[in-house]
Amino acid sequence: MADTLVIVPTYNERESLSSLVGRVRQIVPGADVLIVDDSSPDGTGELADSLAHADAGVSVLHRERKNGLGRAYLAGFELALDEGYSLIVEIDADGSHDPADLPAMLALARTGAHLVLGSRWVEGGTVLNWPWPRKVISRLGNSYARLALGSSIRDLTSGFRVFRAEALRALDFESVASQGYCFQIELAWRCEKAGFHIVEHPITFIERAVGRSKMHAGIVIEALARVTWWGITRRGMREAPREV
C-alpha cells in the first residue's frame, strides 16, 4: 500500500481534473489520489469515476451536496487516517499548484516536518497571472493573519500542503468550522500552536487557465471575521491535541 494520499477536492473542475490527476500520478507514482467531489453538476464526479476505473491508484469520495472546501478536506483526512496513510497532501484541482513540487515537499515531511506548506510568499516563491489587486489582497491578508494570531508562517492561506498523519491525528476535527482560505489558516495555526515542526517550501502559483475561481467576497469576510476573533481570544489558548 502507498504511504501517501493526495486529496483533490472538486466542484465543477471537469476541464482541469484529468490533467492534474495525470501529472500527480506521473510525478509521484507511488502516491494514491483521492478525488472528493461535492456532486458537481458539470459531470466532474462522473469523470472522476472514469479516472478511478482506469487507475487503481485513484479513488473517489462522492458527497451529497456542495458543503465547502474545509468539509471536503476533513472527509478526506478522516479516510486517509482510517486507511493508515503516513503523508496526506492537499492540492487544488484547477492546476494552480504544480505537482512537480511534490517530491521535494514529501521529502521534507519524511525528514522531520509535520506540515510542509507550498508557499508563495517566501524567498523563491511567486505568483503568475494574478492581477495586482489580488496579489495585494493575498499579501495583506496573510500579514494581518500573522499579526493577529502571532504566527510566523508567511503563507497561512496556501492550499498546497503535506501533513504527516500524526499532526492531523492530534487536531480536533469536530471543532473546525471554517471554510475556504479560513480553513487553511485555521489548520496551519492549530499545527503551529500544537508545537509541530512547520516548513515553507517556495512554489510558483499559476492562476487557473480554465474554469472559474471559487473565490468570492464571503470567503474573505469569513476569514477576516474569524481571524479577528481568534486574535482577540488567543491569549492563553493552546491547541489540545487528541491522543495519538
C-alpha atoms as a PDB file:
ATOM      1  CA  MET A   1       0.000   0.000   0.000  1.00  0.00           C
ATOM      2  CA  ALA A   2       1.137   3.538  -0.729  1.00  0.00           C
ATOM      3  CA  ASP A   3       2.118   5.656   2.266  1.00  0.00           C
ATOM      4  CA  THR A   4       0.934   8.920   0.653  1.00  0.00           C
ATOM      5  CA  LEU A   5      -2.574  10.089  -0.244  1.00  0.00           C
ATOM      6  CA  VAL A   6      -3.074  13.166  -2.424  1.00  0.00           C
ATOM      7  CA  ILE A   7      -6.513  14.689  -1.779  1.00  0.00           C
ATOM      8  CA  VAL A   8      -8.083  16.662  -4.634  1.00  0.00           C
ATOM      9  CA  PRO A   9     -11.353  18.426  -3.714  1.00  0.00           C
ATOM     10  CA  THR A  10     -13.550  19.192  -6.709  1.00  0.00           C
ATOM     11  CA  TYR A  11     -16.604  21.196  -7.623  1.00  0.00           C
ATOM     12  CA  ASN A  12     -17.100  21.868 -11.329  1.00  0.00           C
ATOM     13  CA  GLU A  13     -13.488  21.089 -12.285  1.00  0.00           C
ATOM     14  CA  ARG A  14     -14.129  18.783 -15.241  1.00  0.00           C
ATOM     15  CA  GLU A  15     -11.893  20.806 -17.582  1.00  0.00           C
ATOM     16  CA  SER A  16      -8.760  20.541 -15.452  1.00  0.00           C
ATOM     17  CA  LEU A  17      -9.148  17.348 -13.409  1.00  0.00           C
ATOM     18  CA  SER A  18      -7.745  14.776 -15.840  1.00  0.00           C
ATOM     19  CA  SER A  19      -4.588  16.781 -16.440  1.00  0.00           C
ATOM     20  CA  LEU A  20      -3.960  17.374 -12.742  1.00  0.00           C
ATOM     21  CA  VAL A  21      -4.506  13.760 -11.715  1.00  0.00           C
ATOM     22  CA  GLY A  22      -2.384  12.536 -14.605  1.00  0.00           C
ATOM     23  CA  ARG A  23       0.525  14.760 -13.616  1.00  0.00           C
ATOM     24  CA  VAL A  24       0.314  13.720  -9.971  1.00  0.00           C
ATOM     25  CA  ARG A  25       0.347  10.039 -10.907  1.00  0.00           C
ATOM     26  CA  GLN A  26       3.273  10.606 -13.273  1.00  0.00           C
ATOM     27  CA  ILE A  27       5.405  12.657 -10.889  1.00  0.00           C
ATOM     28  CA  VAL A  28       4.684  10.706  -7.682  1.00  0.00           C
ATOM     29  CA  PRO A  29       3.580   7.287  -8.983  1.00  0.00           C
ATOM     30  CA  GLY A  30       3.904   5.781  -5.514  1.00  0.00           C
ATOM     31  CA  ALA A  31       1.157   8.031  -4.135  1.00  0.00           C
ATOM     32  CA  ASP A  32      -2.562   7.331  -4.258  1.00  0.00           C
ATOM     33  CA  VAL A  33      -5.055  10.022  -5.277  1.00  0.00           C
ATOM     34  CA  LEU A  34      -8.434  10.651  -3.650  1.00  0.00           C
ATOM     35  CA  ILE A  35     -10.865  12.909  -5.507  1.00  0.00           C
ATOM     36  CA  VAL A  36     -13.505  14.371  -3.193  1.00  0.00           C
ATOM     37  CA  ASP A  37     -16.385  15.626  -5.329  1.00  0.00           C
ATOM     38  CA  ASP A  38     -19.278  17.680  -3.995  1.00  0.00           C
ATOM     39  CA  SER A  39     -21.871  16.463  -6.537  1.00  0.00           C
ATOM     40  CA  SER A  40     -20.557  18.752  -9.281  1.00  0.00           C
ATOM     41  CA  PRO A  41     -23.332  19.485 -11.812  1.00  0.00           C
ATOM     42  CA  ASP A  42     -20.823  19.693 -14.696  1.00  0.00           C
ATOM     43  CA  GLY A  43     -20.001  15.979 -14.650  1.00  0.00           C
ATOM     44  CA  THR A  44     -16.774  16.175 -12.644  1.00  0.00           C
ATOM     45  CA  GLY A  45     -17.907  13.282 -10.462  1.00  0.00           C
ATOM     46  CA  GLU A  46     -18.536  11.046 -13.454  1.00  0.00           C
ATOM     47  CA  LEU A  47     -15.137  11.932 -14.900  1.00  0.00           C
ATOM     48  CA  ALA A  48     -13.542  11.158 -11.529  1.00  0.00           C
ATOM     49  CA  ASP A  49     -15.194   7.739 -11.566  1.00  0.00           C
ATOM     50  CA  SER A  50     -13.787   7.034 -15.019  1.00  0.00           C
ATOM     51  CA  LEU A  51     -10.291   8.030 -13.864  1.00  0.00           C
ATOM     52  CA  ALA A  52     -10.630   5.701 -10.882  1.00  0.00           C
ATOM     53  CA  HIS A  53     -11.881   2.876 -13.107  1.00  0.00           C
ATOM     54  CA  ALA A  54      -8.801   3.235 -15.329  1.00  0.00           C
ATOM     55  CA  ASP A  55      -6.243   3.546 -12.497  1.00  0.00           C
ATOM     56  CA  ALA A  56      -6.256   1.524  -9.255  1.00  0.00           C
ATOM     57  CA  GLY A  57      -4.249   4.307  -7.602  1.00  0.00           C
ATOM     58  CA  VAL A  58      -7.176   6.745  -7.954  1.00  0.00           C
ATOM     59  CA  SER A  59     -10.351   6.646  -5.860  1.00  0.00           C
ATOM     60  CA  VAL A  60     -13.374   8.905  -5.484  1.00  0.00           C
ATOM     61  CA  LEU A  61     -15.371  10.081  -2.489  1.00  0.00           C
ATOM     62  CA  HIS A  62     -18.768  11.449  -3.545  1.00  0.00           C
ATOM     63  CA  ARG A  63     -20.518  13.865  -1.209  1.00  0.00           C
ATOM     64  CA  GLU A  64     -24.233  14.564  -1.472  1.00  0.00           C
ATOM     65  CA  ARG A  65     -24.004  18.320  -1.875  1.00  0.00           C
ATOM     66  CA  LYS A  66     -21.615  21.253  -2.047  1.00  0.00           C
ATOM     67  CA  ASN A  67     -20.572  21.723   1.555  1.00  0.00           C
ATOM     68  CA  GLY A  68     -17.372  23.734   1.423  1.00  0.00           C
ATOM     69  CA  LEU A  69     -13.674  23.161   0.914  1.00  0.00           C
ATOM     70  CA  GLY A  70     -12.977  22.620   4.596  1.00  0.00           C
ATOM     71  CA  ARG A  71     -15.540  19.848   4.973  1.00  0.00           C
ATOM     72  CA  ALA A  72     -14.270  18.175   1.794  1.00  0.00           C
ATOM     73  CA  TYR A  73     -10.736  18.094   3.147  1.00  0.00           C
ATOM     74  CA  LEU A  74     -11.824  16.893   6.586  1.00  0.00           C
ATOM     75  CA  ALA A  75     -13.705  13.994   4.972  1.00  0.00           C
ATOM     76  CA  GLY A  76     -10.562  13.150   3.014  1.00  0.00           C
ATOM     77  CA  PHE A  77      -8.390  13.419   6.133  1.00  0.00           C
ATOM     78  CA  GLU A  78     -10.631  11.040   8.062  1.00  0.00           C
ATOM     79  CA  LEU A  79     -10.457   8.491   5.254  1.00  0.00           C
ATOM     80  CA  ALA A  80      -6.674   8.858   4.985  1.00  0.00           C
ATOM     81  CA  LEU A  81      -6.180   8.310   8.709  1.00  0.00           C
ATOM     82  CA  ASP A  82      -8.585   5.364   8.773  1.00  0.00           C
ATOM     83  CA  GLU A  83      -6.695   3.774   5.871  1.00  0.00           C
ATOM     84  CA  GLY A  84      -3.310   4.239   7.546  1.00  0.00           C
ATOM     85  CA  TYR A  85      -1.597   6.704   5.192  1.00  0.00           C
ATOM     86  CA  SER A  86       1.508   8.363   6.661  1.00  0.00           C
ATOM     87  CA  LEU A  87       1.527  11.507   4.496  1.00  0.00           C
ATOM     88  CA  ILE A  88      -1.560  13.413   3.363  1.00  0.00           C
ATOM     89  CA  VAL A  89      -1.410  16.046   0.630  1.00  0.00           C
ATOM     90  CA  GLU A  90      -3.718  18.961  -0.177  1.00  0.00           C
ATOM     91  CA  ILE A  91      -3.670  20.189  -3.780  1.00  0.00           C
ATOM     92  CA  ASP A  92      -6.090  22.269  -5.862  1.00  0.00           C
ATOM     93  CA  ALA A  93      -7.819  20.636  -8.816  1.00  0.00           C
ATOM     94  CA  ASP A  94      -7.508  23.679 -11.078  1.00  0.00           C
ATOM     95  CA  GLY A  95      -3.823  23.288 -11.963  1.00  0.00           C
ATOM     96  CA  SER A  96      -2.632  26.292  -9.972  1.00  0.00           C
ATOM     97  CA  HIS A  97      -0.317  24.043  -7.938  1.00  0.00           C
ATOM     98  CA  ASP A  98       2.463  22.289  -9.828  1.00  0.00           C
ATOM     99  CA  PRO A  99       2.758  18.598  -8.854  1.00  0.00           C
ATOM    100  CA  ALA A 100       6.457  18.871  -9.770  1.00  0.00           C
ATOM    101  CA  ASP A 101       6.928  20.425  -6.308  1.00  0.00           C
ATOM    102  CA  LEU A 102       5.587  17.322  -4.578  1.00  0.00           C
ATOM    103  CA  PRO A 103       8.799  15.232  -4.432  1.00  0.00           C
ATOM    104  CA  ALA A 104      10.640  17.991  -2.577  1.00  0.00           C
ATOM    105  CA  MET A 105       7.683  18.672  -0.264  1.00  0.00           C
ATOM    106  CA  LEU A 106       7.242  14.980   0.527  1.00  0.00           C
ATOM    107  CA  ALA A 107      10.967  14.661   1.228  1.00  0.00           C
ATOM    108  CA  LEU A 108      10.731  17.475   3.784  1.00  0.00           C
ATOM    109  CA  ALA A 109       7.832  15.708   5.503  1.00  0.00           C
ATOM    110  CA  ARG A 110       9.700  12.399   5.548  1.00  0.00           C
ATOM    111  CA  THR A 111      12.730  14.026   7.141  1.00  0.00           C
ATOM    112  CA  GLY A 112      11.002  15.714  10.049  1.00  0.00           C
ATOM    113  CA  ALA A 113       8.463  18.374   9.050  1.00  0.00           C
ATOM    114  CA  HIS A 114       4.966  17.725  10.379  1.00  0.00           C
ATOM    115  CA  LEU A 115       3.475  20.244   7.943  1.00  0.00           C
ATOM    116  CA  VAL A 116       5.040  21.389   4.678  1.00  0.00           C
ATOM    117  CA  LEU A 117       3.440  24.446   3.081  1.00  0.00           C
ATOM    118  CA  GLY A 118       3.839  25.272  -0.594  1.00  0.00           C
ATOM    119  CA  SER A 119       4.494  28.956  -0.020  1.00  0.00           C
ATOM    120  CA  ARG A 120       4.094  31.840  -2.456  1.00  0.00           C
ATOM    121  CA  TRP A 121       5.391  34.439  -0.046  1.00  0.00           C
ATOM    122  CA  VAL A 122       8.826  33.144   0.986  1.00  0.00           C
ATOM    123  CA  GLU A 123      12.069  33.725  -0.900  1.00  0.00           C
ATOM    124  CA  GLY A 124      11.891  31.810  -4.179  1.00  0.00           C
ATOM    125  CA  GLY A 125       8.090  31.718  -4.205  1.00  0.00           C
ATOM    126  CA  THR A 126       5.974  33.678  -6.668  1.00  0.00           C
ATOM    127  CA  VAL A 127       2.558  34.064  -8.310  1.00  0.00           C
ATOM    128  CA  LEU A 128       1.923  34.170 -12.049  1.00  0.00           C
ATOM    129  CA  ASN A 129      -1.031  35.707 -13.910  1.00  0.00           C
ATOM    130  CA  TRP A 130      -2.669  37.369 -10.921  1.00  0.00           C
ATOM    131  CA  PRO A 131      -3.817  40.991 -11.273  1.00  0.00           C
ATOM    132  CA  TRP A 132      -2.025  43.263  -8.820  1.00  0.00           C
ATOM    133  CA  PRO A 133      -5.122  43.868  -6.621  1.00  0.00           C
ATOM    134  CA  ARG A 134      -5.376  40.141  -5.879  1.00  0.00           C
ATOM    135  CA  LYS A 135      -1.674  39.965  -5.008  1.00  0.00           C
ATOM    136  CA  VAL A 136      -2.122  42.882  -2.655  1.00  0.00           C
ATOM    137  CA  ILE A 137      -5.183  41.291  -1.015  1.00  0.00           C
ATOM    138  CA  SER A 138      -3.336  37.993  -0.511  1.00  0.00           C
ATOM    139  CA  ARG A 139      -0.240  39.620   0.933  1.00  0.00           C
ATOM    140  CA  LEU A 140      -2.197  41.944   3.211  1.00  0.00           C
ATOM    141  CA  GLY A 141      -4.475  39.110   4.316  1.00  0.00           C
ATOM    142  CA  ASN A 142      -1.529  36.926   5.239  1.00  0.00           C
ATOM    143  CA  SER A 143       0.210  39.809   7.023  1.00  0.00           C
ATOM    144  CA  TYR A 144      -2.936  40.603   9.016  1.00  0.00           C
ATOM    145  CA  ALA A 145      -3.442  36.950   9.987  1.00  0.00           C
ATOM    146  CA  ARG A 146       0.183  36.609  11.088  1.00  0.00           C
ATOM    147  CA  LEU A 147      -0.084  39.736  13.226  1.00  0.00           C
ATOM    148  CA  ALA A 148      -3.465  38.853  14.747  1.00  0.00           C
ATOM    149  CA  LEU A 149      -2.522  35.252  15.531  1.00  0.00           C
ATOM    150  CA  GLY A 150       1.090  35.783  16.465  1.00  0.00           C
ATOM    151  CA  SER A 151       2.094  33.366  13.704  1.00  0.00           C
ATOM    152  CA  SER A 152       5.457  33.100  11.990  1.00  0.00           C
ATOM    153  CA  ILE A 153       4.019  31.385   8.889  1.00  0.00           C
ATOM    154  CA  ARG A 154       4.385  33.535   5.768  1.00  0.00           C
ATOM    155  CA  ASP A 155       1.663  31.895   3.648  1.00  0.00           C
ATOM    156  CA  LEU A 156      -1.122  30.872   6.012  1.00  0.00           C
ATOM    157  CA  THR A 157      -3.668  30.655   3.182  1.00  0.00           C
ATOM    158  CA  SER A 158      -1.684  28.281   0.985  1.00  0.00           C
ATOM    159  CA  GLY A 159      -3.776  25.358  -0.233  1.00  0.00           C
ATOM    160  CA  PHE A 160      -0.787  23.229  -1.292  1.00  0.00           C
ATOM    161  CA  ARG A 161       0.370  21.212   1.737  1.00  0.00           C
ATOM    162  CA  VAL A 162       1.753  17.954   3.052  1.00  0.00           C
ATOM    163  CA  PHE A 163       0.717  16.805   6.525  1.00  0.00           C
ATOM    164  CA  ARG A 164       2.261  13.981   8.473  1.00  0.00           C
ATOM    165  CA  ALA A 165      -0.515  11.749   9.798  1.00  0.00           C
ATOM    166  CA  GLU A 166       0.439  12.301  13.435  1.00  0.00           C
ATOM    167  CA  ALA A 167      -0.152  16.042  13.065  1.00  0.00           C
ATOM    168  CA  LEU A 168      -3.664  15.533  11.719  1.00  0.00           C
ATOM    169  CA  ARG A 169      -4.456  12.929  14.384  1.00  0.00           C
ATOM    170  CA  ALA A 170      -3.572  15.477  17.049  1.00  0.00           C
ATOM    171  CA  LEU A 171      -6.128  18.022  15.818  1.00  0.00           C
ATOM    172  CA  ASP A 172      -9.765  18.101  16.886  1.00  0.00           C
ATOM    173  CA  PHE A 173     -11.612  17.980  13.564  1.00  0.00           C
ATOM    174  CA  GLU A 174     -15.020  18.332  15.222  1.00  0.00           C
ATOM    175  CA  SER A 175     -14.173  21.850  16.390  1.00  0.00           C
ATOM    176  CA  VAL A 176     -13.172  23.045  12.895  1.00  0.00           C
ATOM    177  CA  ALA A 177     -15.973  25.190  11.490  1.00  0.00           C
ATOM    178  CA  SER A 178     -14.247  27.420   8.937  1.00  0.00           C
ATOM    179  CA  GLN A 179     -14.120  27.055   5.165  1.00  0.00           C
ATOM    180  CA  GLY A 180     -12.104  28.313   2.200  1.00  0.00           C
ATOM    181  CA  TYR A 181      -8.983  30.332   2.928  1.00  0.00           C
ATOM    182  CA  CYS A 182     -10.015  30.497   6.578  1.00  0.00           C
ATOM    183  CA  PHE A 183      -9.889  26.707   6.845  1.00  0.00           C
ATOM    184  CA  GLN A 184      -6.309  26.772   5.605  1.00  0.00           C
ATOM    185  CA  ILE A 185      -5.406  29.466   8.124  1.00  0.00           C
ATOM    186  CA  GLU A 186      -7.051  27.561  10.963  1.00  0.00           C
ATOM    187  CA  LEU A 187      -5.329  24.231  10.367  1.00  0.00           C
ATOM    188  CA  ALA A 188      -1.877  25.746   9.892  1.00  0.00           C
ATOM    189  CA  TRP A 189      -2.305  27.871  13.022  1.00  0.00           C
ATOM    190  CA  ARG A 190      -3.512  24.892  15.055  1.00  0.00           C
ATOM    191  CA  CYS A 191      -0.465  22.903  13.978  1.00  0.00           C
ATOM    192  CA  GLU A 192       1.727  25.842  14.950  1.00  0.00           C
ATOM    193  CA  LYS A 193       0.042  26.204  18.366  1.00  0.00           C
ATOM    194  CA  ALA A 194       0.448  22.473  18.995  1.00  0.00           C
ATOM    195  CA  GLY A 195       4.192  22.834  18.532  1.00  0.00           C
ATOM    196  CA  PHE A 196       4.554  20.867  15.306  1.00  0.00           C
ATOM    197  CA  HIS A 197       7.516  21.488  13.006  1.00  0.00           C
ATOM    198  CA  ILE A 198       6.351  23.542  10.009  1.00  0.00           C
ATOM    199  CA  VAL A 199       8.412  24.181   6.873  1.00  0.00           C
ATOM    200  CA  GLU A 200       7.530  26.516   3.995  1.00  0.00           C
ATOM    201  CA  HIS A 201       8.745  25.351   0.584  1.00  0.00           C
ATOM    202  CA  PRO A 202       8.764  28.025  -2.165  1.00  0.00           C
ATOM    203  CA  ILE A 203       6.406  27.377  -5.069  1.00  0.00           C
ATOM    204  CA  THR A 204       5.248  29.139  -8.208  1.00  0.00           C
ATOM    205  CA  PHE A 205       1.479  29.543  -8.055  1.00  0.00           C
ATOM    206  CA  ILE A 206      -0.146  29.822 -11.502  1.00  0.00           C
ATOM    207  CA  GLU A 207      -3.642  31.238 -11.865  1.00  0.00           C
ATOM    208  CA  ARG A 208      -6.068  28.739 -13.377  1.00  0.00           C
ATOM    209  CA  ALA A 209      -6.250  28.668 -17.160  1.00  0.00           C
ATOM    210  CA  VAL A 210      -9.729  27.093 -17.362  1.00  0.00           C
ATOM    211  CA  GLY A 211     -12.852  27.099 -15.251  1.00  0.00           C
ATOM    212  CA  ARG A 212     -13.997  29.682 -12.726  1.00  0.00           C
ATOM    213  CA  SER A 213     -12.391  30.700  -9.456  1.00  0.00           C
ATOM    214  CA  LYS A 214     -14.289  29.766  -6.279  1.00  0.00           C
ATOM    215  CA  MET A 215     -13.074  32.950  -4.566  1.00  0.00           C
ATOM    216  CA  HIS A 216     -15.855  35.320  -3.531  1.00  0.00           C
ATOM    217  CA  ALA A 217     -16.438  38.093  -1.021  1.00  0.00           C
ATOM    218  CA  GLY A 218     -17.988  35.751   1.532  1.00  0.00           C
ATOM    219  CA  ILE A 219     -14.745  33.770   1.844  1.00  0.00           C
ATOM    220  CA  VAL A 220     -12.762  36.942   2.507  1.00  0.00           C
ATOM    221  CA  ILE A 221     -15.306  38.226   5.049  1.00  0.00           C
ATOM    222  CA  GLU A 222     -15.342  34.880   6.875  1.00  0.00           C
ATOM    223  CA  ALA A 223     -11.553  34.841   7.071  1.00  0.00           C
ATOM    224  CA  LEU A 224     -11.346  38.412   8.390  1.00  0.00           C
ATOM    225  CA  ALA A 225     -14.054  37.823  10.992  1.00  0.00           C
ATOM    226  CA  ARG A 226     -12.666  34.542  12.289  1.00  0.00           C
ATOM    227  CA  VAL A 227      -9.035  35.658  12.322  1.00  0.00           C
ATOM    228  CA  THR A 228     -10.001  38.813  14.205  1.00  0.00           C
ATOM    229  CA  TRP A 229     -11.938  36.807  16.789  1.00  0.00           C
ATOM    230  CA  TRP A 230      -9.143  34.252  17.183  1.00  0.00           C
ATOM    231  CA  GLY A 231      -6.668  37.090  17.592  1.00  0.00           C
ATOM    232  CA  ILE A 232      -8.772  38.688  20.330  1.00  0.00           C
ATOM    233  CA  THR A 233      -9.250  35.425  22.244  1.00  0.00           C
ATOM    234  CA  ARG A 234      -5.916  33.711  21.623  1.00  0.00           C
ATOM    235  CA  ARG A 235      -4.118  34.803  24.803  1.00  0.00           C
ATOM    236  CA  GLY A 236      -3.596  31.752  26.956  1.00  0.00           C
ATOM    237  CA  MET A 237      -5.052  29.429  24.320  1.00  0.00           C
ATOM    238  CA  ARG A 238      -3.251  26.270  23.290  1.00  0.00           C
ATOM    239  CA  GLU A 239      -4.298  23.507  20.952  1.00  0.00           C
ATOM    240  CA  ALA A 240      -5.408  20.499  22.975  1.00  0.00           C
ATOM    241  CA  PRO A 241      -4.078  17.579  20.937  1.00  0.00           C
ATOM    242  CA  ARG A 242      -6.073  14.387  20.558  1.00  0.00           C
ATOM    243  CA  GLU A 243      -4.300  11.312  21.886  1.00  0.00           C
ATOM    244  CA  VAL A 244      -2.190   9.693  19.154  1.00  0.00           C
END
